Amino acid sequence: MKRATLFAIASVALLGLSAPAIAGVEVNTATGAVIVAGKPAPGLAAHGFDVVAYFKQSKPQQGDARFALVHNNATYRFASEENLAAFEADPGKYEPAYGGYCAYGVSVGAKFDGDPRYWKIVDGKLYLNLDAAIQSTWLKDVPASIRKADANWPKLASKLPSELN
């Protein structure tokens, strides 16, 4: 194996170990080595799921590394060039609420992982939840949960989840 190839592999491996240091706390990112356009990039937003697909295909769809971009210190992946272009044109329309953290968690003052399989679009905004049980609780009173989360988010956004015990 060529020395340059070994160096590239080692660099990507080291990047994976340091990903939490470069991931923005305002966006829930999965750690690990991510490359966009041949360069190291921040962690994956929405676990690599295509956030535009929720709006256009009405379902979660895994993104493709060929259609990726970095926005707000997170790497977003898309299932198609068309979805990538839609996001580039209006990221605020497609970004998950609360940086992709669990909407219920934010409503109770915490930052839980947002699982892209547990989602709902409310008033044109994408919300993720931790799991089916949490989503069931959140769905009991979505408007109240969103009001609480909206009030909590400014205090939580810049904090790491571990700082919110």
N, C-alpha and C. Protein backbone atom coordinates (compact mmCIF):
# COMPACT_ATOMS: atom_id res chain seq x y z
N MET A 1 0.85 -1.18 0.00
CA MET A 1 0.00 0.00 0.00
C MET A 1 0.89 1.24 0.00
N LYS A 2 0.55 2.21 -0.80
CA LYS A 2 1.36 3.42 -0.88
C LYS A 2 1.29 4.21 0.41
N ARG A 3 2.37 4.92 0.69
CA ARG A 3 2.46 5.72 1.90
C ARG A 3 1.34 6.77 1.96
N ALA A 4 1.02 7.40 0.83
CA ALA A 4 -0.04 8.42 0.80
C ALA A 4 -1.40 7.81 1.16
N THR A 5 -1.65 6.60 0.69
CA THR A 5 -2.91 5.92 0.99
C THR A 5 -2.99 5.60 2.48
N LEU A 6 -1.89 5.10 3.04
CA LEU A 6 -1.86 4.82 4.48
C LEU A 6 -2.08 6.09 5.30
N PHE A 7 -1.46 7.18 4.86
CA PHE A 7 -1.63 8.46 5.56
C PHE A 7 -3.09 8.90 5.51
N ALA A 8 -3.73 8.76 4.35
CA ALA A 8 -5.14 9.16 4.21
C ALA A 8 -6.03 8.33 5.11
N ILE A 9 -5.80 7.04 5.17
CA ILE A 9 -6.60 6.16 6.04
C ILE A 9 -6.39 6.53 7.50
N ALA A 10 -5.15 6.75 7.89
CA ALA A 10 -4.86 7.13 9.27
C ALA A 10 -5.50 8.47 9.62
N SER A 11 -5.47 9.41 8.68
CA SER A 11 -6.07 10.73 8.92
C SER A 11 -7.57 10.62 9.14
N VAL A 12 -8.23 9.82 8.31
CA VAL A 12 -9.68 9.63 8.46
C VAL A 12 -9.98 8.95 9.80
N ALA A 13 -9.20 7.98 10.18
CA ALA A 13 -9.41 7.30 11.46
C ALA A 13 -9.25 8.27 12.62
N LEU A 14 -8.24 9.11 12.57
CA LEU A 14 -8.03 10.10 13.63
C LEU A 14 -9.15 11.12 13.65
N LEU A 15 -9.65 11.52 12.49
CA LEU A 15 -10.76 12.45 12.42
C LEU A 15 -11.96 11.85 13.13
N GLY A 16 -12.22 10.57 12.95
CA GLY A 16 -13.33 9.90 13.61
C GLY A 16 -13.21 9.98 15.12
N LEU A 17 -11.99 9.91 15.64
CA LEU A 17 -11.78 10.00 17.08
C LEU A 17 -11.99 11.41 17.60
N SER A 18 -11.77 12.41 16.75
CA SER A 18 -11.88 13.79 17.21
C SER A 18 -13.18 14.46 16.81
N ALA A 19 -14.10 13.74 16.17
CA ALA A 19 -15.32 14.34 15.64
C ALA A 19 -16.12 15.13 16.68
N PRO A 20 -16.26 14.66 17.93
CA PRO A 20 -17.06 15.45 18.86
C PRO A 20 -16.50 16.85 19.08
N ALA A 21 -15.20 17.03 18.96
CA ALA A 21 -14.61 18.34 19.16
C ALA A 21 -14.98 19.31 18.05
N ILE A 22 -15.25 18.80 16.84
CA ILE A 22 -15.58 19.70 15.75
C ILE A 22 -17.08 19.78 15.49
N ALA A 23 -17.85 18.93 16.11
CA ALA A 23 -19.30 18.95 15.89
C ALA A 23 -19.91 20.12 16.65
N GLY A 24 -20.81 20.84 16.00
CA GLY A 24 -21.48 21.96 16.65
C GLY A 24 -22.51 21.45 17.65
N VAL A 25 -22.61 22.11 18.79
CA VAL A 25 -23.55 21.65 19.80
C VAL A 25 -24.99 22.03 19.46
N GLU A 26 -25.17 23.00 18.57
CA GLU A 26 -26.53 23.42 18.22
C GLU A 26 -27.19 22.47 17.23
N VAL A 27 -26.39 21.61 16.62
CA VAL A 27 -26.92 20.63 15.68
C VAL A 27 -26.52 19.24 16.16
N ASN A 28 -27.48 18.35 16.27
CA ASN A 28 -27.24 16.98 16.69
C ASN A 28 -26.54 16.25 15.55
N THR A 29 -25.27 15.92 15.74
CA THR A 29 -24.52 15.24 14.70
C THR A 29 -24.02 13.89 15.17
N ALA A 30 -24.03 12.93 14.26
CA ALA A 30 -23.45 11.62 14.53
C ALA A 30 -21.95 11.74 14.34
N THR A 31 -21.19 11.19 15.26
CA THR A 31 -19.75 11.28 15.18
C THR A 31 -19.19 10.26 14.20
N GLY A 32 -17.97 10.48 13.83
CA GLY A 32 -17.30 9.57 12.90
C GLY A 32 -16.70 10.35 11.76
N ALA A 33 -15.94 9.67 10.94
CA ALA A 33 -15.26 10.31 9.83
C ALA A 33 -16.25 10.60 8.71
N VAL A 34 -16.28 11.84 8.27
CA VAL A 34 -17.15 12.27 7.18
C VAL A 34 -16.29 13.05 6.19
N ILE A 35 -16.46 12.75 4.93
CA ILE A 35 -15.73 13.43 3.86
C ILE A 35 -16.75 14.07 2.92
N VAL A 36 -16.56 15.34 2.59
CA VAL A 36 -17.39 16.03 1.60
C VAL A 36 -16.44 16.67 0.60
N ALA A 37 -16.65 16.35 -0.67
CA ALA A 37 -15.82 16.89 -1.75
C ALA A 37 -14.33 16.62 -1.49
N GLY A 38 -14.04 15.43 -0.97
CA GLY A 38 -12.66 15.03 -0.74
C GLY A 38 -11.99 15.63 0.47
N LYS A 39 -12.73 16.35 1.30
CA LYS A 39 -12.14 16.99 2.48
C LYS A 39 -12.88 16.54 3.74
N PRO A 40 -12.18 16.50 4.89
CA PRO A 40 -12.85 16.17 6.15
C PRO A 40 -13.99 17.16 6.42
N ALA A 41 -15.09 16.66 6.96
CA ALA A 41 -16.26 17.49 7.23
C ALA A 41 -16.82 17.17 8.61
N PRO A 42 -17.67 18.05 9.14
CA PRO A 42 -18.28 17.78 10.44
C PRO A 42 -19.20 16.56 10.41
N GLY A 43 -19.64 16.12 11.58
CA GLY A 43 -20.50 14.95 11.71
C GLY A 43 -21.80 15.07 10.95
N LEU A 44 -22.47 13.94 10.79
CA LEU A 44 -23.70 13.87 10.01
C LEU A 44 -24.91 14.41 10.79
N ALA A 45 -25.65 15.29 10.17
CA ALA A 45 -26.93 15.74 10.72
C ALA A 45 -27.98 14.68 10.39
N ALA A 46 -28.95 14.54 11.25
CA ALA A 46 -30.07 13.60 11.05
C ALA A 46 -29.59 12.20 10.69
N HIS A 47 -28.45 11.80 11.28
CA HIS A 47 -27.88 10.46 11.06
C HIS A 47 -27.71 10.14 9.58
N GLY A 48 -27.52 11.17 8.76
CA GLY A 48 -27.31 10.95 7.33
C GLY A 48 -28.59 10.79 6.53
N PHE A 49 -29.75 10.97 7.17
CA PHE A 49 -31.02 10.90 6.44
C PHE A 49 -31.24 12.21 5.69
N ASP A 50 -31.94 12.13 4.59
CA ASP A 50 -32.25 13.27 3.73
C ASP A 50 -33.41 14.05 4.35
N VAL A 51 -33.12 15.26 4.88
CA VAL A 51 -34.17 16.04 5.54
C VAL A 51 -35.19 16.60 4.56
N VAL A 52 -34.84 16.73 3.30
CA VAL A 52 -35.79 17.20 2.28
C VAL A 52 -36.79 16.12 1.95
N ALA A 53 -36.38 14.85 2.01
CA ALA A 53 -37.26 13.73 1.66
C ALA A 53 -38.52 13.69 2.54
N TYR A 54 -38.43 14.12 3.79
CA TYR A 54 -39.61 14.14 4.65
C TYR A 54 -40.71 15.01 4.03
N PHE A 55 -40.29 16.09 3.41
CA PHE A 55 -41.25 17.04 2.84
C PHE A 55 -41.69 16.62 1.43
N LYS A 56 -40.75 16.10 0.64
CA LYS A 56 -41.06 15.79 -0.76
C LYS A 56 -41.56 14.36 -0.98
N GLN A 57 -41.04 13.41 -0.21
CA GLN A 57 -41.46 12.01 -0.36
C GLN A 57 -42.33 11.54 0.80
N SER A 58 -42.51 12.38 1.81
CA SER A 58 -43.32 12.07 3.00
C SER A 58 -42.85 10.83 3.74
N LYS A 59 -41.53 10.62 3.74
CA LYS A 59 -40.97 9.49 4.48
C LYS A 59 -39.46 9.70 4.68
N PRO A 60 -38.91 9.02 5.69
CA PRO A 60 -37.46 9.08 5.87
C PRO A 60 -36.76 8.37 4.72
N GLN A 61 -35.67 8.92 4.28
CA GLN A 61 -34.89 8.30 3.22
C GLN A 61 -33.41 8.57 3.51
N GLN A 62 -32.62 7.53 3.46
CA GLN A 62 -31.19 7.66 3.72
C GLN A 62 -30.56 8.53 2.64
N GLY A 63 -29.69 9.45 3.06
CA GLY A 63 -28.97 10.28 2.12
C GLY A 63 -27.80 9.53 1.52
N ASP A 64 -27.23 10.11 0.50
CA ASP A 64 -26.13 9.52 -0.25
C ASP A 64 -24.92 10.45 -0.12
N ALA A 65 -23.76 9.90 0.17
CA ALA A 65 -22.55 10.71 0.34
C ALA A 65 -22.21 11.52 -0.91
N ARG A 66 -22.69 11.10 -2.08
CA ARG A 66 -22.43 11.86 -3.31
C ARG A 66 -23.16 13.20 -3.32
N PHE A 67 -24.24 13.29 -2.54
CA PHE A 67 -25.04 14.51 -2.49
C PHE A 67 -25.01 15.06 -1.07
N ALA A 68 -23.93 15.72 -0.73
CA ALA A 68 -23.74 16.20 0.64
C ALA A 68 -23.25 17.65 0.63
N LEU A 69 -23.55 18.33 1.72
CA LEU A 69 -23.02 19.68 1.92
C LEU A 69 -22.93 19.95 3.40
N VAL A 70 -22.08 20.91 3.74
CA VAL A 70 -21.90 21.32 5.13
C VAL A 70 -22.69 22.59 5.35
N HIS A 71 -23.50 22.57 6.41
CA HIS A 71 -24.32 23.73 6.78
C HIS A 71 -24.39 23.78 8.30
N ASN A 72 -24.14 24.96 8.88
CA ASN A 72 -24.18 25.14 10.34
C ASN A 72 -23.36 24.09 11.08
N ASN A 73 -22.15 23.85 10.61
CA ASN A 73 -21.21 22.94 11.24
C ASN A 73 -21.74 21.51 11.34
N ALA A 74 -22.51 21.10 10.34
CA ALA A 74 -23.01 19.74 10.26
C ALA A 74 -23.05 19.34 8.78
N THR A 75 -22.88 18.06 8.52
CA THR A 75 -22.93 17.55 7.15
C THR A 75 -24.31 16.96 6.89
N TYR A 76 -24.96 17.48 5.89
CA TYR A 76 -26.27 16.98 5.48
C TYR A 76 -26.09 16.16 4.22
N ARG A 77 -26.76 15.02 4.17
CA ARG A 77 -26.75 14.16 2.98
C ARG A 77 -28.15 14.10 2.39
N PHE A 78 -28.20 13.93 1.07
CA PHE A 78 -29.47 13.93 0.35
C PHE A 78 -29.54 12.73 -0.57
N ALA A 79 -30.74 12.29 -0.86
CA ALA A 79 -30.94 11.12 -1.72
C ALA A 79 -30.77 11.46 -3.19
N SER A 80 -30.83 12.74 -3.53
CA SER A 80 -30.72 13.14 -4.93
C SER A 80 -30.13 14.54 -5.05
N GLU A 81 -29.68 14.84 -6.23
CA GLU A 81 -29.18 16.19 -6.55
C GLU A 81 -30.31 17.21 -6.38
N GLU A 82 -31.52 16.82 -6.76
CA GLU A 82 -32.68 17.71 -6.65
C GLU A 82 -32.94 18.09 -5.19
N ASN A 83 -32.86 17.12 -4.28
CA ASN A 83 -33.09 17.42 -2.86
C ASN A 83 -31.97 18.27 -2.29
N LEU A 84 -30.74 18.03 -2.71
CA LEU A 84 -29.62 18.86 -2.27
C LEU A 84 -29.85 20.30 -2.72
N ALA A 85 -30.26 20.50 -3.96
CA ALA A 85 -30.50 21.85 -4.49
C ALA A 85 -31.64 22.53 -3.73
N ALA A 86 -32.68 21.79 -3.38
CA ALA A 86 -33.79 22.37 -2.61
C ALA A 86 -33.30 22.85 -1.25
N PHE A 87 -32.46 22.06 -0.59
CA PHE A 87 -31.92 22.45 0.71
C PHE A 87 -31.03 23.68 0.57
N GLU A 88 -30.15 23.68 -0.42
CA GLU A 88 -29.27 24.83 -0.64
C GLU A 88 -30.06 26.11 -0.85
N ALA A 89 -31.18 26.01 -1.54
CA ALA A 89 -31.99 27.18 -1.84
C ALA A 89 -32.69 27.74 -0.60
N ASP A 90 -33.02 26.88 0.37
CA ASP A 90 -33.76 27.32 1.56
C ASP A 90 -33.53 26.36 2.73
N PRO A 91 -32.31 26.38 3.31
CA PRO A 91 -32.02 25.43 4.39
C PRO A 91 -32.97 25.53 5.58
N GLY A 92 -33.38 26.73 5.93
CA GLY A 92 -34.26 26.91 7.07
C GLY A 92 -35.59 26.19 6.93
N LYS A 93 -36.02 25.98 5.71
CA LYS A 93 -37.27 25.27 5.46
C LYS A 93 -37.16 23.79 5.81
N TYR A 94 -35.95 23.23 5.68
CA TYR A 94 -35.78 21.78 5.82
C TYR A 94 -35.02 21.34 7.07
N GLU A 95 -34.26 22.22 7.67
CA GLU A 95 -33.51 21.83 8.87
C GLU A 95 -34.47 21.35 9.95
N PRO A 96 -34.12 20.27 10.64
CA PRO A 96 -34.99 19.82 11.73
C PRO A 96 -35.02 20.86 12.86
N ALA A 97 -36.16 20.96 13.51
CA ALA A 97 -36.28 21.85 14.67
C ALA A 97 -35.28 21.42 15.73
N TYR A 98 -34.83 22.40 16.49
CA TYR A 98 -33.92 22.17 17.62
C TYR A 98 -32.66 21.42 17.20
N GLY A 99 -32.18 21.72 16.00
CA GLY A 99 -30.94 21.12 15.52
C GLY A 99 -31.01 19.62 15.34
N GLY A 100 -32.20 19.06 15.30
CA GLY A 100 -32.34 17.61 15.14
C GLY A 100 -32.34 16.85 16.45
N TYR A 101 -32.28 17.57 17.56
CA TYR A 101 -32.43 16.90 18.86
C TYR A 101 -33.90 16.54 19.05
N CYS A 102 -34.17 15.62 19.92
CA CYS A 102 -35.53 15.16 20.19
C CYS A 102 -36.41 16.33 20.66
N ALA A 103 -37.53 16.54 19.97
CA ALA A 103 -38.43 17.65 20.30
C ALA A 103 -38.99 17.50 21.71
N TYR A 104 -39.33 16.29 22.11
CA TYR A 104 -39.83 16.08 23.46
C TYR A 104 -38.73 16.39 24.48
N GLY A 105 -37.54 15.91 24.22
CA GLY A 105 -36.42 16.18 25.13
C GLY A 105 -36.22 17.66 25.36
N VAL A 106 -36.24 18.44 24.30
CA VAL A 106 -36.07 19.89 24.42
C VAL A 106 -37.22 20.49 25.22
N SER A 107 -38.42 19.94 25.07
CA SER A 107 -39.57 20.46 25.83
C SER A 107 -39.42 20.25 27.32
N VAL A 108 -38.62 19.27 27.73
CA VAL A 108 -38.40 19.02 29.17
C VAL A 108 -37.01 19.47 29.61
N GLY A 109 -36.34 20.26 28.76
CA GLY A 109 -35.06 20.85 29.14
C GLY A 109 -33.86 19.96 28.94
N ALA A 110 -33.94 19.00 28.01
CA ALA A 110 -32.83 18.08 27.76
C ALA A 110 -32.53 18.01 26.27
N LYS A 111 -31.40 17.44 25.95
CA LYS A 111 -31.03 17.20 24.56
C LYS A 111 -30.84 15.70 24.38
N PHE A 112 -31.87 15.05 23.85
CA PHE A 112 -31.82 13.63 23.52
C PHE A 112 -31.53 13.51 22.03
N ASP A 113 -30.99 12.38 21.64
CA ASP A 113 -30.76 12.12 20.23
C ASP A 113 -32.09 12.12 19.48
N GLY A 114 -32.12 12.72 18.32
CA GLY A 114 -33.30 12.67 17.46
C GLY A 114 -33.14 11.53 16.48
N ASP A 115 -34.02 10.56 16.53
CA ASP A 115 -33.95 9.41 15.62
C ASP A 115 -34.79 9.73 14.38
N PRO A 116 -34.18 9.74 13.20
CA PRO A 116 -34.91 10.12 11.99
C PRO A 116 -36.09 9.22 11.64
N ARG A 117 -36.21 8.08 12.28
CA ARG A 117 -37.36 7.20 12.01
C ARG A 117 -38.61 7.64 12.76
N TYR A 118 -38.45 8.54 13.75
CA TYR A 118 -39.56 9.02 14.56
C TYR A 118 -39.69 10.51 14.34
N TRP A 119 -40.57 10.88 13.45
CA TRP A 119 -40.63 12.25 12.96
C TRP A 119 -42.06 12.69 12.73
N LYS A 120 -42.22 13.99 12.62
CA LYS A 120 -43.51 14.57 12.27
C LYS A 120 -43.24 15.98 11.76
N ILE A 121 -43.98 16.36 10.72
CA ILE A 121 -43.93 17.73 10.23
C ILE A 121 -45.15 18.44 10.79
N VAL A 122 -44.91 19.55 11.49
CA VAL A 122 -45.97 20.35 12.09
C VAL A 122 -45.78 21.79 11.62
N ASP A 123 -46.79 22.34 11.01
CA ASP A 123 -46.74 23.72 10.51
C ASP A 123 -45.48 23.98 9.69
N GLY A 124 -45.14 23.02 8.83
CA GLY A 124 -44.01 23.19 7.92
C GLY A 124 -42.63 23.00 8.54
N LYS A 125 -42.57 22.48 9.75
CA LYS A 125 -41.29 22.26 10.43
C LYS A 125 -41.13 20.78 10.76
N LEU A 126 -39.93 20.25 10.55
CA LEU A 126 -39.62 18.86 10.83
C LEU A 126 -39.17 18.70 12.28
N TYR A 127 -39.84 17.79 12.99
CA TYR A 127 -39.49 17.47 14.38
C TYR A 127 -39.10 16.00 14.46
N LEU A 128 -38.02 15.72 15.20
CA LEU A 128 -37.57 14.35 15.43
C LEU A 128 -37.78 14.00 16.90
N ASN A 129 -37.93 12.73 17.19
CA ASN A 129 -38.04 12.24 18.56
C ASN A 129 -37.04 11.12 18.80
N LEU A 130 -36.81 10.82 20.05
CA LEU A 130 -35.83 9.82 20.47
C LEU A 130 -36.21 8.41 20.04
N ASP A 131 -37.45 8.03 20.26
CA ASP A 131 -37.90 6.68 19.94
C ASP A 131 -39.43 6.66 19.89
N ALA A 132 -40.01 5.50 19.66
CA ALA A 132 -41.46 5.39 19.52
C ALA A 132 -42.19 5.76 20.81
N ALA A 133 -41.68 5.34 21.96
CA ALA A 133 -42.34 5.64 23.23
C ALA A 133 -42.34 7.14 23.50
N ILE A 134 -41.22 7.78 23.30
CA ILE A 134 -41.12 9.23 23.51
C ILE A 134 -42.02 9.95 22.51
N GLN A 135 -42.02 9.50 21.27
CA GLN A 135 -42.87 10.15 20.28
C GLN A 135 -44.35 10.03 20.66
N SER A 136 -44.73 8.90 21.19
CA SER A 136 -46.11 8.69 21.63
C SER A 136 -46.49 9.71 22.71
N THR A 137 -45.58 9.94 23.64
CA THR A 137 -45.81 10.93 24.70
C THR A 137 -45.89 12.34 24.09
N TRP A 138 -44.97 12.64 23.19
CA TRP A 138 -44.93 13.96 22.54
C TRP A 138 -46.21 14.22 21.75
N LEU A 139 -46.73 13.21 21.09
CA LEU A 139 -47.91 13.36 20.26
C LEU A 139 -49.20 13.62 21.05
N LYS A 140 -49.17 13.37 22.36
CA LYS A 140 -50.36 13.59 23.18
C LYS A 140 -50.74 15.06 23.23
N ASP A 141 -49.76 15.96 23.15
CA ASP A 141 -50.05 17.40 23.14
C ASP A 141 -48.93 18.12 22.41
N VAL A 142 -48.93 17.98 21.12
CA VAL A 142 -47.87 18.56 20.29
C VAL A 142 -47.78 20.07 20.46
N PRO A 143 -48.88 20.82 20.38
CA PRO A 143 -48.75 22.28 20.51
C PRO A 143 -48.10 22.71 21.83
N ALA A 144 -48.49 22.10 22.93
CA ALA A 144 -47.89 22.46 24.23
C ALA A 144 -46.41 22.07 24.27
N SER A 145 -46.09 20.90 23.73
CA SER A 145 -44.69 20.47 23.70
C SER A 145 -43.83 21.42 22.87
N ILE A 146 -44.35 21.86 21.74
CA ILE A 146 -43.60 22.80 20.89
C ILE A 146 -43.43 24.14 21.60
N ARG A 147 -44.47 24.62 22.26
CA ARG A 147 -44.35 25.89 23.00
C ARG A 147 -43.26 25.78 24.07
N LYS A 148 -43.27 24.68 24.83
CA LYS A 148 -42.25 24.49 25.88
C LYS A 148 -40.86 24.38 25.27
N ALA A 149 -40.73 23.61 24.19
CA ALA A 149 -39.43 23.44 23.54
C ALA A 149 -38.93 24.76 22.96
N ASP A 150 -39.82 25.52 22.33
CA ASP A 150 -39.42 26.83 21.80
C ASP A 150 -38.90 27.75 22.90
N ALA A 151 -39.54 27.69 24.06
CA ALA A 151 -39.09 28.51 25.20
C ALA A 151 -37.75 28.01 25.76
N ASN A 152 -37.54 26.70 25.76
CA ASN A 152 -36.31 26.12 26.31
C ASN A 152 -35.12 26.23 25.37
N TRP A 153 -35.34 26.16 24.07
CA TRP A 153 -34.25 26.04 23.11
C TRP A 153 -33.19 27.14 23.24
N PRO A 154 -33.55 28.41 23.41
CA PRO A 154 -32.48 29.43 23.52
C PRO A 154 -31.51 29.16 24.67
N LYS A 155 -31.99 28.55 25.76
CA LYS A 155 -31.11 28.24 26.90
C LYS A 155 -30.29 26.97 26.67
N LEU A 156 -30.79 26.08 25.80
CA LEU A 156 -30.16 24.77 25.59
C LEU A 156 -29.23 24.74 24.38
N ALA A 157 -29.50 25.54 23.39
CA ALA A 157 -28.86 25.42 22.08
C ALA A 157 -27.34 25.34 22.15
N SER A 158 -26.72 26.19 22.93
CA SER A 158 -25.26 26.25 22.95
C SER A 158 -24.62 25.32 23.98
N LYS A 159 -25.42 24.50 24.65
CA LYS A 159 -24.89 23.59 25.66
C LYS A 159 -24.78 22.18 25.13
N LEU A 160 -23.77 21.47 25.58
CA LEU A 160 -23.64 20.06 25.27
C LEU A 160 -24.72 19.28 26.03
N PRO A 161 -25.19 18.17 25.49
CA PRO A 161 -26.18 17.36 26.21
C PRO A 161 -25.70 16.98 27.61
N SER A 162 -24.42 16.71 27.77
CA SER A 162 -23.88 16.30 29.07
C SER A 162 -23.89 17.44 30.10
N GLU A 163 -24.05 18.67 29.66
CA GLU A 163 -24.11 19.82 30.59
C GLU A 163 -25.51 20.04 31.14
N LEU A 164 -26.47 19.24 30.74
CA LEU A 164 -27.87 19.48 31.10
C LEU A 164 -28.40 18.49 32.12
N ASN A 165 -27.57 17.93 32.95
CA ASN A 165 -28.02 16.94 33.95
C ASN A 165 -29.01 17.54 34.90
